[in-house]
Amino acid sequence: MDAIDRKILSVLQDDASLSVAEIGSRVGLSSTPCWKRIQKLEAEGVILKRVALINQDKLNLGITVFVSIETGDHSQVWLGKFAETVGAMPEVMEFHRMAGDVDYMLRVVVPDIAGYDTFYKKLIATVPLKNVTSRFAMERIKSTTALPIN
């Protein structure tokens, strides 16, 4: 990946709806070489997909909860069932296996506290959990999907 590929990625992260001609113009390429580079970045799995970012507040999904999970079972069978179940929950925006004192961390988006309570009850019914800690975000100070491409 060279500097032009990185510029293309930066442009796409900022606005993936731009035409190939516009992207090429911004990075100093004509349309065909730009399109070929984008296709190559997609084929290599660098570009995973192109999406629209939506304001969660406008959809009445104003509550963000960070959920820390500890488990007493670290078997592959347990993890397989847990990952499959939690991965299918639409409220879960991010799902990470952690190092340190917490085993898993979720970022959950719900409309209100009652919505979180419903989610929480589904979560704890999936598999045995040792501890679940919920932290409610009071204010979103920064939120980005753009990676720092140098």
N, C-alpha and C. Protein backbone atom coordinates (compact mmCIF):
# COMPACT_ATOMS: atom_id res chain seq x y z
N MET A 1 0.85 -1.17 0.00
CA MET A 1 0.00 0.00 0.00
C MET A 1 0.90 1.24 0.00
N ASP A 2 0.68 2.09 -0.96
CA ASP A 2 1.51 3.29 -1.07
C ASP A 2 0.73 4.53 -0.60
N ALA A 3 1.35 5.69 -0.76
CA ALA A 3 0.77 6.95 -0.29
C ALA A 3 -0.55 7.26 -1.00
N ILE A 4 -0.68 6.92 -2.26
CA ILE A 4 -1.92 7.20 -2.99
C ILE A 4 -3.05 6.32 -2.46
N ASP A 5 -2.75 5.05 -2.19
CA ASP A 5 -3.77 4.17 -1.60
C ASP A 5 -4.25 4.76 -0.26
N ARG A 6 -3.31 5.24 0.52
CA ARG A 6 -3.66 5.83 1.82
C ARG A 6 -4.53 7.08 1.64
N LYS A 7 -4.22 7.88 0.64
CA LYS A 7 -5.04 9.06 0.35
C LYS A 7 -6.45 8.64 -0.06
N ILE A 8 -6.54 7.61 -0.90
CA ILE A 8 -7.85 7.10 -1.32
C ILE A 8 -8.65 6.66 -0.10
N LEU A 9 -8.01 5.92 0.79
CA LEU A 9 -8.70 5.46 1.99
C LEU A 9 -9.17 6.64 2.86
N SER A 10 -8.34 7.66 2.98
CA SER A 10 -8.73 8.83 3.76
C SER A 10 -9.94 9.53 3.15
N VAL A 11 -9.93 9.67 1.83
CA VAL A 11 -11.06 10.29 1.14
C VAL A 11 -12.32 9.46 1.33
N LEU A 12 -12.22 8.15 1.16
CA LEU A 12 -13.38 7.27 1.32
C LEU A 12 -13.91 7.28 2.75
N GLN A 13 -13.01 7.34 3.73
CA GLN A 13 -13.47 7.41 5.12
C GLN A 13 -14.25 8.69 5.38
N ASP A 14 -13.87 9.75 4.69
CA ASP A 14 -14.55 11.03 4.87
C ASP A 14 -15.89 11.05 4.15
N ASP A 15 -15.95 10.48 2.93
CA ASP A 15 -17.20 10.48 2.17
C ASP A 15 -17.15 9.40 1.10
N ALA A 16 -17.71 8.24 1.42
CA ALA A 16 -17.69 7.10 0.49
C ALA A 16 -18.69 7.26 -0.64
N SER A 17 -19.51 8.31 -0.60
CA SER A 17 -20.49 8.51 -1.67
C SER A 17 -19.92 9.28 -2.86
N LEU A 18 -18.68 9.72 -2.76
CA LEU A 18 -18.07 10.46 -3.86
C LEU A 18 -17.91 9.56 -5.08
N SER A 19 -17.99 10.16 -6.25
CA SER A 19 -17.77 9.40 -7.49
C SER A 19 -16.28 9.04 -7.59
N VAL A 20 -16.00 8.02 -8.37
CA VAL A 20 -14.61 7.62 -8.58
C VAL A 20 -13.83 8.78 -9.19
N ALA A 21 -14.45 9.54 -10.09
CA ALA A 21 -13.78 10.69 -10.71
C ALA A 21 -13.40 11.72 -9.64
N GLU A 22 -14.30 11.98 -8.69
CA GLU A 22 -14.01 12.96 -7.63
C GLU A 22 -12.91 12.45 -6.71
N ILE A 23 -12.97 11.17 -6.35
CA ILE A 23 -11.92 10.59 -5.50
C ILE A 23 -10.57 10.70 -6.22
N GLY A 24 -10.57 10.31 -7.51
CA GLY A 24 -9.34 10.41 -8.30
C GLY A 24 -8.80 11.82 -8.35
N SER A 25 -9.69 12.78 -8.54
CA SER A 25 -9.28 14.18 -8.58
C SER A 25 -8.61 14.61 -7.28
N ARG A 26 -9.15 14.15 -6.17
CA ARG A 26 -8.61 14.53 -4.85
C ARG A 26 -7.26 13.88 -4.55
N VAL A 27 -6.98 12.74 -5.20
CA VAL A 27 -5.72 12.05 -4.93
C VAL A 27 -4.73 12.14 -6.09
N GLY A 28 -5.12 12.81 -7.17
CA GLY A 28 -4.21 13.01 -8.30
C GLY A 28 -4.19 11.87 -9.30
N LEU A 29 -5.33 11.19 -9.48
CA LEU A 29 -5.44 10.11 -10.46
C LEU A 29 -6.64 10.33 -11.36
N SER A 30 -6.58 9.73 -12.55
CA SER A 30 -7.78 9.71 -13.39
C SER A 30 -8.68 8.59 -12.89
N SER A 31 -9.89 8.52 -13.43
CA SER A 31 -10.89 7.58 -12.93
C SER A 31 -10.47 6.12 -12.98
N THR A 32 -9.95 5.67 -14.13
CA THR A 32 -9.65 4.24 -14.28
C THR A 32 -8.60 3.75 -13.30
N PRO A 33 -7.44 4.41 -13.16
CA PRO A 33 -6.47 3.92 -12.18
C PRO A 33 -7.00 4.02 -10.74
N CYS A 34 -7.79 5.03 -10.48
CA CYS A 34 -8.38 5.18 -9.15
C CYS A 34 -9.32 4.01 -8.87
N TRP A 35 -10.19 3.71 -9.84
CA TRP A 35 -11.14 2.60 -9.69
C TRP A 35 -10.41 1.28 -9.49
N LYS A 36 -9.33 1.06 -10.23
CA LYS A 36 -8.56 -0.17 -10.09
C LYS A 36 -7.96 -0.29 -8.69
N ARG A 37 -7.48 0.81 -8.16
CA ARG A 37 -6.91 0.79 -6.81
C ARG A 37 -8.00 0.50 -5.76
N ILE A 38 -9.17 1.12 -5.92
CA ILE A 38 -10.27 0.87 -5.00
C ILE A 38 -10.67 -0.60 -5.06
N GLN A 39 -10.77 -1.14 -6.27
CA GLN A 39 -11.12 -2.56 -6.44
C GLN A 39 -10.08 -3.46 -5.76
N LYS A 40 -8.82 -3.12 -5.90
CA LYS A 40 -7.75 -3.91 -5.28
C LYS A 40 -7.84 -3.82 -3.75
N LEU A 41 -8.10 -2.64 -3.23
CA LEU A 41 -8.23 -2.48 -1.78
C LEU A 41 -9.42 -3.27 -1.24
N GLU A 42 -10.49 -3.34 -2.03
CA GLU A 42 -11.65 -4.17 -1.64
C GLU A 42 -11.30 -5.65 -1.70
N ALA A 43 -10.64 -6.07 -2.77
CA ALA A 43 -10.28 -7.49 -2.94
C ALA A 43 -9.33 -7.97 -1.85
N GLU A 44 -8.46 -7.07 -1.39
CA GLU A 44 -7.49 -7.42 -0.34
C GLU A 44 -8.10 -7.34 1.06
N GLY A 45 -9.35 -6.90 1.14
CA GLY A 45 -9.99 -6.81 2.45
C GLY A 45 -9.63 -5.58 3.25
N VAL A 46 -8.96 -4.62 2.62
CA VAL A 46 -8.65 -3.36 3.32
C VAL A 46 -9.93 -2.56 3.47
N ILE A 47 -10.68 -2.44 2.39
CA ILE A 47 -12.01 -1.81 2.43
C ILE A 47 -13.00 -2.94 2.66
N LEU A 48 -13.66 -2.92 3.81
CA LEU A 48 -14.60 -3.99 4.16
C LEU A 48 -15.96 -3.77 3.52
N LYS A 49 -16.47 -2.56 3.60
CA LYS A 49 -17.73 -2.19 2.97
C LYS A 49 -17.91 -0.69 3.06
N ARG A 50 -18.87 -0.18 2.32
CA ARG A 50 -19.18 1.26 2.34
C ARG A 50 -20.59 1.40 2.89
N VAL A 51 -20.73 2.27 3.89
CA VAL A 51 -22.00 2.38 4.60
C VAL A 51 -22.39 3.85 4.80
N ALA A 52 -23.63 4.06 5.21
CA ALA A 52 -24.09 5.37 5.62
C ALA A 52 -24.05 5.43 7.14
N LEU A 53 -23.53 6.50 7.68
CA LEU A 53 -23.52 6.69 9.13
C LEU A 53 -24.81 7.40 9.51
N ILE A 54 -25.49 6.88 10.51
CA ILE A 54 -26.81 7.40 10.88
C ILE A 54 -26.76 7.96 12.29
N ASN A 55 -27.45 9.07 12.49
CA ASN A 55 -27.54 9.71 13.80
C ASN A 55 -28.45 8.88 14.70
N GLN A 56 -27.89 8.24 15.71
CA GLN A 56 -28.68 7.34 16.55
C GLN A 56 -29.76 8.09 17.32
N ASP A 57 -29.54 9.34 17.66
CA ASP A 57 -30.55 10.12 18.38
C ASP A 57 -31.80 10.35 17.53
N LYS A 58 -31.61 10.52 16.23
CA LYS A 58 -32.74 10.75 15.32
C LYS A 58 -33.62 9.50 15.19
N LEU A 59 -33.09 8.34 15.57
CA LEU A 59 -33.84 7.09 15.52
C LEU A 59 -34.31 6.66 16.91
N ASN A 60 -34.27 7.60 17.85
CA ASN A 60 -34.67 7.33 19.23
C ASN A 60 -33.84 6.20 19.84
N LEU A 61 -32.54 6.23 19.57
CA LEU A 61 -31.60 5.28 20.16
C LEU A 61 -30.53 6.07 20.92
N GLY A 62 -30.99 6.91 21.82
CA GLY A 62 -30.12 7.88 22.48
C GLY A 62 -29.29 7.38 23.64
N ILE A 63 -29.49 6.14 24.06
CA ILE A 63 -28.75 5.62 25.21
C ILE A 63 -27.64 4.69 24.74
N THR A 64 -26.40 5.02 25.12
CA THR A 64 -25.26 4.16 24.86
C THR A 64 -24.78 3.61 26.19
N VAL A 65 -24.61 2.29 26.24
CA VAL A 65 -24.17 1.62 27.46
C VAL A 65 -22.94 0.79 27.14
N PHE A 66 -21.91 0.94 27.97
CA PHE A 66 -20.72 0.11 27.87
C PHE A 66 -20.88 -0.99 28.92
N VAL A 67 -20.86 -2.21 28.46
CA VAL A 67 -21.15 -3.35 29.34
C VAL A 67 -19.89 -4.19 29.48
N SER A 68 -19.39 -4.29 30.70
CA SER A 68 -18.23 -5.13 31.02
C SER A 68 -18.75 -6.47 31.51
N ILE A 69 -18.16 -7.54 31.00
CA ILE A 69 -18.61 -8.89 31.36
C ILE A 69 -17.43 -9.71 31.83
N GLU A 70 -17.64 -10.36 32.97
CA GLU A 70 -16.67 -11.33 33.47
C GLU A 70 -17.34 -12.69 33.46
N THR A 71 -16.57 -13.70 33.12
CA THR A 71 -17.09 -15.07 33.12
C THR A 71 -16.17 -15.99 33.89
N GLY A 72 -16.72 -17.04 34.42
CA GLY A 72 -15.92 -18.05 35.09
C GLY A 72 -15.55 -19.18 34.15
N ASP A 73 -16.14 -19.20 32.97
CA ASP A 73 -15.93 -20.27 32.00
C ASP A 73 -15.23 -19.69 30.77
N HIS A 74 -14.05 -20.20 30.45
CA HIS A 74 -13.28 -19.70 29.31
C HIS A 74 -13.12 -20.76 28.23
N SER A 75 -14.02 -21.73 28.24
CA SER A 75 -13.92 -22.82 27.26
C SER A 75 -14.37 -22.34 25.87
N GLN A 76 -13.92 -23.07 24.86
CA GLN A 76 -14.30 -22.75 23.48
C GLN A 76 -15.80 -22.96 23.26
N VAL A 77 -16.37 -23.96 23.91
CA VAL A 77 -17.80 -24.23 23.77
C VAL A 77 -18.60 -23.05 24.33
N TRP A 78 -18.21 -22.58 25.52
CA TRP A 78 -18.90 -21.45 26.14
C TRP A 78 -18.76 -20.22 25.24
N LEU A 79 -17.53 -19.92 24.82
CA LEU A 79 -17.29 -18.74 23.99
C LEU A 79 -18.07 -18.83 22.68
N GLY A 80 -18.11 -19.99 22.07
CA GLY A 80 -18.85 -20.15 20.82
C GLY A 80 -20.31 -19.79 20.98
N LYS A 81 -20.93 -20.31 22.02
CA LYS A 81 -22.35 -20.02 22.26
C LYS A 81 -22.56 -18.55 22.60
N PHE A 82 -21.69 -18.02 23.46
CA PHE A 82 -21.79 -16.61 23.87
C PHE A 82 -21.60 -15.68 22.67
N ALA A 83 -20.57 -15.92 21.88
CA ALA A 83 -20.28 -15.07 20.72
C ALA A 83 -21.41 -15.13 19.70
N GLU A 84 -21.95 -16.30 19.47
CA GLU A 84 -23.04 -16.45 18.51
C GLU A 84 -24.29 -15.69 18.98
N THR A 85 -24.63 -15.86 20.26
CA THR A 85 -25.84 -15.23 20.80
C THR A 85 -25.70 -13.72 20.87
N VAL A 86 -24.60 -13.25 21.46
CA VAL A 86 -24.42 -11.80 21.62
C VAL A 86 -24.19 -11.14 20.26
N GLY A 87 -23.46 -11.80 19.37
CA GLY A 87 -23.23 -11.25 18.04
C GLY A 87 -24.51 -11.06 17.24
N ALA A 88 -25.54 -11.81 17.55
CA ALA A 88 -26.82 -11.70 16.85
C ALA A 88 -27.76 -10.65 17.47
N MET A 89 -27.38 -10.08 18.60
CA MET A 89 -28.24 -9.08 19.26
C MET A 89 -28.06 -7.73 18.55
N PRO A 90 -29.12 -7.18 17.96
CA PRO A 90 -28.97 -5.95 17.18
C PRO A 90 -28.55 -4.74 18.02
N GLU A 91 -28.80 -4.76 19.31
CA GLU A 91 -28.42 -3.63 20.17
C GLU A 91 -26.91 -3.54 20.36
N VAL A 92 -26.20 -4.64 20.14
CA VAL A 92 -24.75 -4.68 20.36
C VAL A 92 -24.05 -4.12 19.12
N MET A 93 -23.44 -2.96 19.30
CA MET A 93 -22.73 -2.30 18.21
C MET A 93 -21.28 -2.75 18.10
N GLU A 94 -20.67 -3.06 19.24
CA GLU A 94 -19.30 -3.56 19.28
C GLU A 94 -19.22 -4.64 20.34
N PHE A 95 -18.34 -5.62 20.10
CA PHE A 95 -18.20 -6.77 20.98
C PHE A 95 -16.73 -7.15 20.97
N HIS A 96 -16.05 -6.98 22.09
CA HIS A 96 -14.61 -7.22 22.16
C HIS A 96 -14.26 -8.21 23.27
N ARG A 97 -13.31 -9.09 23.00
CA ARG A 97 -12.71 -9.91 24.05
C ARG A 97 -11.53 -9.11 24.57
N MET A 98 -11.42 -8.99 25.88
CA MET A 98 -10.47 -8.07 26.50
C MET A 98 -9.35 -8.80 27.21
N ALA A 99 -8.27 -8.07 27.45
CA ALA A 99 -7.21 -8.50 28.36
C ALA A 99 -7.40 -7.71 29.65
N GLY A 100 -7.02 -8.27 30.77
CA GLY A 100 -7.15 -7.55 32.03
C GLY A 100 -8.26 -8.11 32.90
N ASP A 101 -8.85 -7.26 33.72
CA ASP A 101 -9.81 -7.72 34.72
C ASP A 101 -11.22 -7.94 34.17
N VAL A 102 -11.47 -7.55 32.93
CA VAL A 102 -12.76 -7.76 32.28
C VAL A 102 -12.54 -8.70 31.11
N ASP A 103 -13.44 -9.66 30.93
CA ASP A 103 -13.28 -10.63 29.85
C ASP A 103 -13.83 -10.13 28.51
N TYR A 104 -14.99 -9.44 28.55
CA TYR A 104 -15.63 -8.95 27.33
C TYR A 104 -16.18 -7.56 27.56
N MET A 105 -16.19 -6.76 26.51
CA MET A 105 -16.74 -5.41 26.57
C MET A 105 -17.68 -5.24 25.39
N LEU A 106 -18.88 -4.74 25.68
CA LEU A 106 -19.87 -4.47 24.65
C LEU A 106 -20.19 -2.98 24.62
N ARG A 107 -20.47 -2.48 23.43
CA ARG A 107 -21.08 -1.15 23.31
C ARG A 107 -22.49 -1.42 22.80
N VAL A 108 -23.46 -1.00 23.61
CA VAL A 108 -24.86 -1.30 23.36
C VAL A 108 -25.61 0.01 23.15
N VAL A 109 -26.53 0.03 22.18
CA VAL A 109 -27.35 1.20 21.90
C VAL A 109 -28.82 0.81 22.04
N VAL A 110 -29.53 1.57 22.87
CA VAL A 110 -30.95 1.31 23.13
C VAL A 110 -31.71 2.63 23.22
N PRO A 111 -33.05 2.59 23.13
CA PRO A 111 -33.81 3.84 23.18
C PRO A 111 -33.89 4.45 24.58
N ASP A 112 -33.92 3.61 25.61
CA ASP A 112 -34.14 4.14 26.97
C ASP A 112 -33.74 3.09 27.99
N ILE A 113 -33.91 3.41 29.26
CA ILE A 113 -33.53 2.49 30.34
C ILE A 113 -34.35 1.20 30.26
N ALA A 114 -35.62 1.32 29.96
CA ALA A 114 -36.45 0.11 29.84
C ALA A 114 -35.92 -0.77 28.71
N GLY A 115 -35.48 -0.17 27.63
CA GLY A 115 -34.90 -0.92 26.52
C GLY A 115 -33.63 -1.64 26.95
N TYR A 116 -32.83 -0.96 27.79
CA TYR A 116 -31.62 -1.61 28.29
C TYR A 116 -31.98 -2.76 29.23
N ASP A 117 -32.99 -2.56 30.06
CA ASP A 117 -33.40 -3.62 30.97
C ASP A 117 -33.82 -4.87 30.19
N THR A 118 -34.55 -4.68 29.11
CA THR A 118 -34.95 -5.80 28.26
C THR A 118 -33.71 -6.49 27.67
N PHE A 119 -32.77 -5.68 27.16
CA PHE A 119 -31.53 -6.22 26.62
C PHE A 119 -30.76 -6.99 27.71
N TYR A 120 -30.63 -6.39 28.88
CA TYR A 120 -29.89 -7.00 29.99
C TYR A 120 -30.47 -8.38 30.35
N LYS A 121 -31.78 -8.46 30.41
CA LYS A 121 -32.42 -9.74 30.73
C LYS A 121 -32.13 -10.79 29.67
N LYS A 122 -32.12 -10.38 28.38
CA LYS A 122 -31.76 -11.32 27.30
C LYS A 122 -30.30 -11.75 27.45
N LEU A 123 -29.43 -10.79 27.76
CA LEU A 123 -28.00 -11.07 27.88
C LEU A 123 -27.72 -12.08 28.98
N ILE A 124 -28.27 -11.85 30.15
CA ILE A 124 -27.95 -12.75 31.27
C ILE A 124 -28.61 -14.12 31.14
N ALA A 125 -29.57 -14.23 30.23
CA ALA A 125 -30.22 -15.53 30.00
C ALA A 125 -29.45 -16.37 28.98
N THR A 126 -28.44 -15.81 28.31
CA THR A 126 -27.75 -16.53 27.23
C THR A 126 -26.89 -17.67 27.75
N VAL A 127 -25.95 -17.35 28.61
CA VAL A 127 -25.01 -18.33 29.17
C VAL A 127 -24.66 -17.85 30.58
N PRO A 128 -24.11 -18.73 31.41
CA PRO A 128 -23.72 -18.30 32.76
C PRO A 128 -22.64 -17.21 32.71
N LEU A 129 -22.86 -16.14 33.47
CA LEU A 129 -21.91 -15.03 33.56
C LEU A 129 -21.56 -14.81 35.02
N LYS A 130 -20.31 -14.42 35.27
CA LYS A 130 -19.86 -14.16 36.64
C LYS A 130 -20.27 -12.77 37.10
N ASN A 131 -20.08 -11.77 36.24
CA ASN A 131 -20.39 -10.39 36.60
C ASN A 131 -20.69 -9.58 35.34
N VAL A 132 -21.70 -8.73 35.43
CA VAL A 132 -22.05 -7.81 34.35
C VAL A 132 -22.12 -6.42 34.94
N THR A 133 -21.32 -5.49 34.40
CA THR A 133 -21.30 -4.11 34.89
C THR A 133 -21.70 -3.20 33.74
N SER A 134 -22.68 -2.34 33.98
CA SER A 134 -23.18 -1.42 32.95
C SER A 134 -22.75 -0.01 33.28
N ARG A 135 -22.22 0.68 32.26
CA ARG A 135 -21.82 2.08 32.41
C ARG A 135 -22.55 2.88 31.34
N PHE A 136 -23.37 3.81 31.77
CA PHE A 136 -24.19 4.60 30.86
C PHE A 136 -23.43 5.86 30.45
N ALA A 137 -23.33 6.08 29.14
CA ALA A 137 -22.67 7.28 28.63
C ALA A 137 -23.57 8.49 28.86
N MET A 138 -23.02 9.52 29.44
CA MET A 138 -23.77 10.75 29.70
C MET A 138 -23.73 11.70 28.50
N GLU A 139 -22.59 11.71 27.81
CA GLU A 139 -22.42 12.62 26.68
C GLU A 139 -21.40 12.01 25.71
N ARG A 140 -21.67 12.10 24.44
CA ARG A 140 -20.74 11.65 23.41
C ARG A 140 -19.87 12.85 23.05
N ILE A 141 -18.62 12.80 23.41
CA ILE A 141 -17.72 13.93 23.17
C ILE A 141 -17.02 13.78 21.82
N LYS A 142 -16.64 12.57 21.49
CA LYS A 142 -16.06 12.29 20.17
C LYS A 142 -16.52 10.93 19.72
N SER A 143 -16.90 10.83 18.48
CA SER A 143 -17.26 9.56 17.89
C SER A 143 -16.86 9.60 16.42
N THR A 144 -16.03 8.67 16.04
CA THR A 144 -15.59 8.64 14.65
C THR A 144 -15.46 7.20 14.18
N THR A 145 -15.57 7.02 12.91
CA THR A 145 -15.28 5.71 12.31
C THR A 145 -13.99 5.77 11.51
N ALA A 146 -13.43 6.96 11.37
CA ALA A 146 -12.23 7.14 10.55
C ALA A 146 -10.98 6.71 11.31
N LEU A 147 -10.24 5.78 10.71
CA LEU A 147 -8.97 5.35 11.30
C LEU A 147 -7.91 6.38 11.00
N PRO A 148 -6.90 6.52 11.88
CA PRO A 148 -5.83 7.49 11.64
C PRO A 148 -4.83 6.96 10.59
N ILE A 149 -5.06 7.27 9.35
CA ILE A 149 -4.22 6.77 8.25
C ILE A 149 -3.09 7.76 8.02
N ASN A 150 -1.87 7.26 8.09
CA ASN A 150 -0.70 8.13 7.87
C ASN A 150 -0.13 7.90 6.50
